[in-house]
N, C-alpha and C. Protein backbone atom coordinates (compact mmCIF):
# COMPACT_ATOMS: atom_id res chain seq x y z
N UNK A 1 -46.51 -4.61 -4.58
CA UNK A 1 -45.95 -3.44 -5.20
C UNK A 1 -45.76 -2.34 -4.07
N UNK A 2 -46.60 -2.35 -3.08
CA UNK A 2 -46.50 -1.37 -2.01
C UNK A 2 -45.24 -1.50 -1.26
N UNK A 3 -44.67 -2.76 -1.15
CA UNK A 3 -43.45 -2.97 -0.42
C UNK A 3 -42.26 -2.39 -1.12
N UNK A 4 -42.31 -2.41 -2.44
CA UNK A 4 -41.23 -1.82 -3.27
C UNK A 4 -41.06 -0.29 -2.93
N UNK A 5 -42.23 0.41 -2.88
CA UNK A 5 -42.16 1.82 -2.59
C UNK A 5 -41.59 2.08 -1.17
N UNK A 6 -42.03 1.15 -0.31
CA UNK A 6 -41.57 1.35 1.04
C UNK A 6 -40.07 1.19 1.14
N UNK A 7 -39.47 0.20 0.49
CA UNK A 7 -38.03 0.07 0.57
C UNK A 7 -37.32 1.19 -0.09
N UNK A 8 -37.87 1.78 -1.10
CA UNK A 8 -37.27 3.01 -1.71
C UNK A 8 -37.32 4.20 -0.75
N UNK A 9 -38.45 4.34 -0.05
CA UNK A 9 -38.53 5.32 0.94
C UNK A 9 -37.51 5.16 2.07
N UNK A 10 -37.31 3.90 2.45
CA UNK A 10 -36.30 3.62 3.48
C UNK A 10 -34.90 3.92 2.94
N UNK A 11 -34.66 3.63 1.72
CA UNK A 11 -33.34 3.95 1.14
C UNK A 11 -33.15 5.43 1.03
N UNK A 12 -34.18 6.14 0.66
CA UNK A 12 -34.09 7.65 0.67
C UNK A 12 -33.84 8.25 2.00
N UNK A 13 -34.49 7.68 3.06
CA UNK A 13 -34.31 8.08 4.33
C UNK A 13 -32.92 7.84 4.88
N UNK A 14 -32.35 6.70 4.52
CA UNK A 14 -30.97 6.38 4.90
C UNK A 14 -30.03 7.42 4.18
N UNK A 15 -30.25 7.53 2.92
CA UNK A 15 -29.36 8.60 2.13
C UNK A 15 -29.41 9.90 2.79
N UNK A 16 -30.60 10.43 3.09
CA UNK A 16 -30.76 11.73 3.66
C UNK A 16 -30.16 11.82 5.11
N UNK A 17 -30.27 10.70 5.89
CA UNK A 17 -29.72 10.78 7.19
C UNK A 17 -28.12 10.74 7.17
N UNK A 18 -27.54 10.18 6.10
CA UNK A 18 -26.11 10.16 6.01
C UNK A 18 -25.48 11.35 5.38
N UNK A 19 -26.20 11.91 4.46
CA UNK A 19 -25.65 13.02 3.72
C UNK A 19 -26.10 14.42 4.34
N UNK A 20 -27.30 14.58 4.73
CA UNK A 20 -27.73 15.83 5.13
C UNK A 20 -27.41 16.14 6.63
N UNK A 21 -27.01 15.19 7.34
CA UNK A 21 -26.64 15.42 8.76
C UNK A 21 -25.20 15.76 8.86
N UNK A 22 -24.78 16.88 9.39
CA UNK A 22 -23.51 17.42 9.41
C UNK A 22 -22.45 16.43 10.03
N UNK A 23 -22.83 15.90 11.23
CA UNK A 23 -21.91 15.01 11.90
C UNK A 23 -21.64 13.74 11.12
N UNK A 24 -22.71 13.19 10.66
CA UNK A 24 -22.62 11.91 9.89
C UNK A 24 -21.87 12.18 8.59
N UNK A 25 -22.10 13.30 8.01
CA UNK A 25 -21.39 13.64 6.66
C UNK A 25 -19.90 13.79 6.93
N UNK A 26 -19.55 14.41 8.09
CA UNK A 26 -18.12 14.58 8.35
C UNK A 26 -17.43 13.17 8.54
N UNK A 27 -18.11 12.30 9.21
CA UNK A 27 -17.53 10.98 9.38
C UNK A 27 -17.46 10.21 8.05
N UNK A 28 -18.57 10.30 7.30
CA UNK A 28 -18.49 9.62 5.93
C UNK A 28 -17.52 10.23 4.98
N UNK A 29 -17.30 11.51 5.10
CA UNK A 29 -16.33 12.16 4.21
C UNK A 29 -14.92 11.68 4.56
N UNK A 30 -14.61 11.58 5.90
CA UNK A 30 -13.39 11.06 6.26
C UNK A 30 -13.12 9.63 5.80
N UNK A 31 -14.16 8.82 5.97
CA UNK A 31 -14.09 7.49 5.45
C UNK A 31 -13.86 7.39 3.93
N UNK A 32 -14.49 8.29 3.17
CA UNK A 32 -14.35 8.32 1.74
C UNK A 32 -12.95 8.77 1.39
N UNK A 33 -12.39 9.78 2.15
CA UNK A 33 -11.03 10.16 1.85
C UNK A 33 -10.01 9.07 2.13
N UNK A 34 -10.17 8.39 3.30
CA UNK A 34 -9.27 7.30 3.62
C UNK A 34 -9.36 6.14 2.58
N UNK A 35 -10.50 5.84 2.09
CA UNK A 35 -10.70 4.81 1.12
C UNK A 35 -10.09 5.16 -0.17
N UNK A 36 -10.32 6.42 -0.59
CA UNK A 36 -9.67 6.91 -1.82
C UNK A 36 -8.13 6.89 -1.73
N UNK A 37 -7.57 7.25 -0.65
CA UNK A 37 -6.13 7.34 -0.45
C UNK A 37 -5.61 5.89 -0.53
N UNK A 38 -6.28 4.93 0.18
CA UNK A 38 -5.81 3.60 0.17
C UNK A 38 -5.87 3.00 -1.20
N UNK A 39 -6.98 3.29 -1.93
CA UNK A 39 -7.14 2.75 -3.30
C UNK A 39 -6.09 3.36 -4.26
N UNK A 40 -5.86 4.65 -4.07
CA UNK A 40 -4.84 5.34 -4.94
C UNK A 40 -3.47 4.76 -4.61
N UNK A 41 -3.14 4.44 -3.32
CA UNK A 41 -1.85 3.91 -3.00
C UNK A 41 -1.66 2.54 -3.65
N UNK A 42 -2.66 1.71 -3.54
CA UNK A 42 -2.63 0.40 -4.27
C UNK A 42 -2.44 0.57 -5.71
N UNK A 43 -3.15 1.44 -6.30
CA UNK A 43 -3.07 1.66 -7.77
C UNK A 43 -1.64 2.07 -8.13
N UNK A 44 -1.12 3.02 -7.40
CA UNK A 44 0.13 3.58 -7.63
C UNK A 44 1.28 2.54 -7.46
N UNK A 45 1.17 1.73 -6.40
CA UNK A 45 2.21 0.66 -6.24
C UNK A 45 2.13 -0.44 -7.20
N UNK A 46 0.96 -0.76 -7.63
CA UNK A 46 0.86 -1.79 -8.66
C UNK A 46 1.38 -1.33 -10.05
N UNK A 47 1.29 -0.08 -10.34
CA UNK A 47 1.75 0.49 -11.62
C UNK A 47 3.19 0.94 -11.58
N UNK A 48 3.67 1.47 -10.52
CA UNK A 48 4.97 2.11 -10.41
C UNK A 48 5.85 1.47 -9.33
N UNK A 49 5.47 0.35 -8.76
CA UNK A 49 6.29 -0.23 -7.68
C UNK A 49 7.69 -0.67 -8.04
N UNK A 50 7.89 -1.07 -9.30
CA UNK A 50 9.17 -1.48 -9.84
C UNK A 50 10.19 -0.33 -9.70
N UNK A 51 9.73 0.92 -9.89
CA UNK A 51 10.60 2.07 -9.88
C UNK A 51 11.10 2.27 -8.47
N UNK A 52 10.49 1.78 -7.46
CA UNK A 52 10.90 2.03 -6.13
C UNK A 52 11.94 1.01 -5.58
N UNK A 53 12.16 -0.02 -6.33
CA UNK A 53 13.09 -1.07 -5.88
C UNK A 53 14.55 -0.58 -6.16
N UNK A 54 15.43 -1.03 -5.35
CA UNK A 54 16.84 -0.62 -5.51
C UNK A 54 17.63 -1.66 -6.24
């Protein structure tokens, strides 16, 4: 049971190091924006791609 608490602490430390650090958060935010844009473009093209054909 003690190992479970240890892995949760490691997960919390990872979360805090990625979110609370300004430089890491800037990088992660840029990756989130790029992933969202990519996903949005795929969604848009799958739903409205026929309208773009000539």
